[in-house]
Amino acid sequence: MTAEVTEHQTLEDRYPIPEGKTGIMHALCDKGDIPYMWNRKDRDEVSAAEETFNSHIARGYLAYRAEGKDGHAGEVLRKFDPKAERIIFVKQHVGG
C-alpha cells in the first residue's frame, strides 16, 4: 500500500525516521524506494550501513546527502557519513 502524496508533504512527512534511528538511506531502483536505517550510536548498525553504502557505490549509484524539509539541499557523498540524516542513492546513466 502506498501513501498518497500531497503538495504540502515534506520529505520528513513522507519518509519519517523512526524513533531510535538517526539516519536513513533510500535506494531508488527498479524495485522502488528501498529504505535502510541506522543509529549512529550503534557501531554494528553504522558498520552495516557503511557496507550498504559502499555496495551501492560499487554498483554505480551516486549518493546525495539530502538536507532540508524537502530534501533539495545537500551534497554528493563520496564516502559514508554516519552523521548524515538522509542519504539518497540514484543510479547513474550513460548517454546524453
Protein backbone atom coordinates (compact mmCIF):
# COMPACT_ATOMS: atom_id res chain seq x y z
CA MET A 1 0.00 0.00 0.00
CA THR A 2 1.41 3.40 -1.00
CA ALA A 3 0.69 6.59 0.90
CA GLU A 4 -0.94 9.33 -1.12
CA VAL A 5 1.42 12.26 -1.69
CA THR A 6 0.11 15.79 -1.43
CA GLU A 7 1.76 19.04 -2.48
CA HIS A 8 2.43 20.05 1.10
CA GLN A 9 4.13 16.89 2.29
CA THR A 10 7.81 17.24 3.06
CA LEU A 11 10.50 14.58 2.84
CA GLU A 12 10.17 14.21 6.61
CA ASP A 13 6.41 13.66 6.26
CA ARG A 14 6.73 11.04 3.53
CA TYR A 15 9.74 9.20 4.99
CA PRO A 16 9.96 9.78 8.74
CA ILE A 17 12.98 8.46 10.59
CA PRO A 18 11.67 6.06 13.25
CA GLU A 19 12.43 6.65 16.90
CA GLY A 20 15.73 5.03 17.84
CA LYS A 21 17.25 5.62 14.40
CA THR A 22 19.34 8.65 13.41
CA GLY A 23 19.78 8.18 9.68
CA ILE A 24 18.07 6.74 6.64
CA MET A 25 19.29 5.86 3.15
CA HIS A 26 16.98 5.46 0.17
CA ALA A 27 17.98 3.43 -2.87
CA LEU A 28 15.86 4.33 -5.86
CA CYS A 29 15.87 1.26 -8.07
CA ASP A 30 13.69 -0.91 -10.28
CA LYS A 31 12.12 -2.36 -7.10
CA GLY A 32 11.08 1.08 -5.86
CA ASP A 33 12.38 3.08 -2.92
CA ILE A 34 14.22 0.80 -0.54
CA PRO A 35 14.99 2.44 2.84
CA TYR A 36 17.85 1.41 5.11
CA MET A 37 18.04 2.92 8.62
CA TRP A 38 20.73 3.10 11.30
CA ASN A 39 21.50 4.64 14.68
CA ARG A 40 24.90 6.35 14.74
CA LYS A 41 25.32 5.36 18.40
CA ASP A 42 25.21 1.65 17.46
CA ARG A 43 28.54 0.52 15.98
CA ASP A 44 27.05 -2.58 14.38
CA GLU A 45 24.31 -0.57 12.67
CA VAL A 46 26.84 2.03 11.46
CA SER A 47 29.10 -0.73 10.12
CA ALA A 48 26.18 -2.38 8.29
CA ALA A 49 25.04 0.98 6.90
CA GLU A 50 28.56 1.71 5.65
CA GLU A 51 28.66 -1.69 3.92
CA THR A 52 25.31 -0.92 2.29
CA PHE A 53 26.59 2.50 1.21
CA ASN A 54 29.77 1.05 -0.29
CA SER A 55 27.82 -1.70 -2.05
CA HIS A 56 25.60 0.86 -3.78
CA ILE A 57 28.59 3.00 -4.80
CA ALA A 58 30.31 -0.10 -6.25
CA ARG A 59 27.16 -0.82 -8.31
CA GLY A 60 27.27 2.62 -9.92
CA TYR A 61 24.95 4.65 -7.70
CA LEU A 62 25.62 8.27 -6.75
CA ALA A 63 24.97 9.16 -3.11
CA TYR A 64 23.50 12.50 -2.09
CA ARG A 65 23.12 13.91 1.40
CA ALA A 66 19.57 15.28 1.45
CA GLU A 67 19.03 18.25 3.72
CA GLY A 68 16.10 20.48 4.49
CA LYS A 69 12.46 19.57 4.78
CA ASP A 70 12.07 18.97 1.05
CA GLY A 71 15.45 17.25 0.60
CA HIS A 72 16.57 19.59 -2.18
CA ALA A 73 19.65 20.92 -0.39
CA GLY A 74 22.71 18.80 0.19
CA GLU A 75 25.81 17.47 -1.50
CA VAL A 76 27.29 14.45 -3.25
CA LEU A 77 28.83 12.00 -0.78
CA ARG A 78 31.96 10.10 -1.80
CA LYS A 79 32.16 8.14 1.46
CA PHE A 80 29.66 7.15 4.12
CA ASP A 81 28.94 9.74 6.79
CA PRO A 82 27.11 8.19 9.78
CA LYS A 83 26.10 11.70 10.88
CA ALA A 84 24.09 12.25 7.69
CA GLU A 85 20.40 12.22 8.48
CA ARG A 86 19.28 11.31 4.95
CA ILE A 87 21.17 9.80 2.03
CA ILE A 88 19.58 9.19 -1.35
CA PHE A 89 21.11 6.88 -3.96
CA VAL A 90 20.42 7.47 -7.64
CA LYS A 91 21.65 5.16 -10.37
CA GLN A 92 24.00 6.85 -12.86
CA HIS A 93 23.00 6.60 -16.50
CA VAL A 94 25.25 6.71 -19.54
CA GLY A 95 24.21 8.72 -22.54
CA GLY A 96 23.20 12.18 -23.44
